[in-house]
Amino acid sequence: MCGDLEEDEGDSKLEEMLYARFVAHARALLADAPPEQPPADTSRYMEKLFTDALSRAVKDCEQATAGGRYDRMIVQPVVFARLAGFLAGHMSLGEDPLRRVIEALMLGYSEAEAMDREQRPYDHGDVPVRA
């Protein structure tokens, strides 16, 4: 139907905007990445591991075809969630692994929204986020 074509074009445009938002946020975070030296403490180790994984995620998306980048991006959280669950499944229950994973998930989610609210020197027509 005619409406289907317009909806597909709208979905494609939205996907392009969401992907551009992801890349812009990732590049901003990677610009502040810790130096390439062994981390001295746990928090630096965690930050380095995060930026390494984010860098790999962006690289994998950029290696996909232009039409497949968004599709590649949207499967990555599922993979990382699976990995988080696998790793947490090996923690002592006294460490409360589920709570720690959920808190980290929510922190990452809010971090992306906070980046949208910041004043930025660029504007890619990003998808607006409710304040």
Foldseek 3Di string as FASTA:
>chain_A
DVVVVVVVVVVQVQLVQQLVLLVVVLVVLLVPQDDPDDDPDDVNNVSNVVNVVSVVQNVVLVPDPPSCSSVSNVCVVVVVVVVLVVVLVPDDVVVVSVVVVVVVVVVVVVSSLVVLVDDDPDCPVHDHDDD
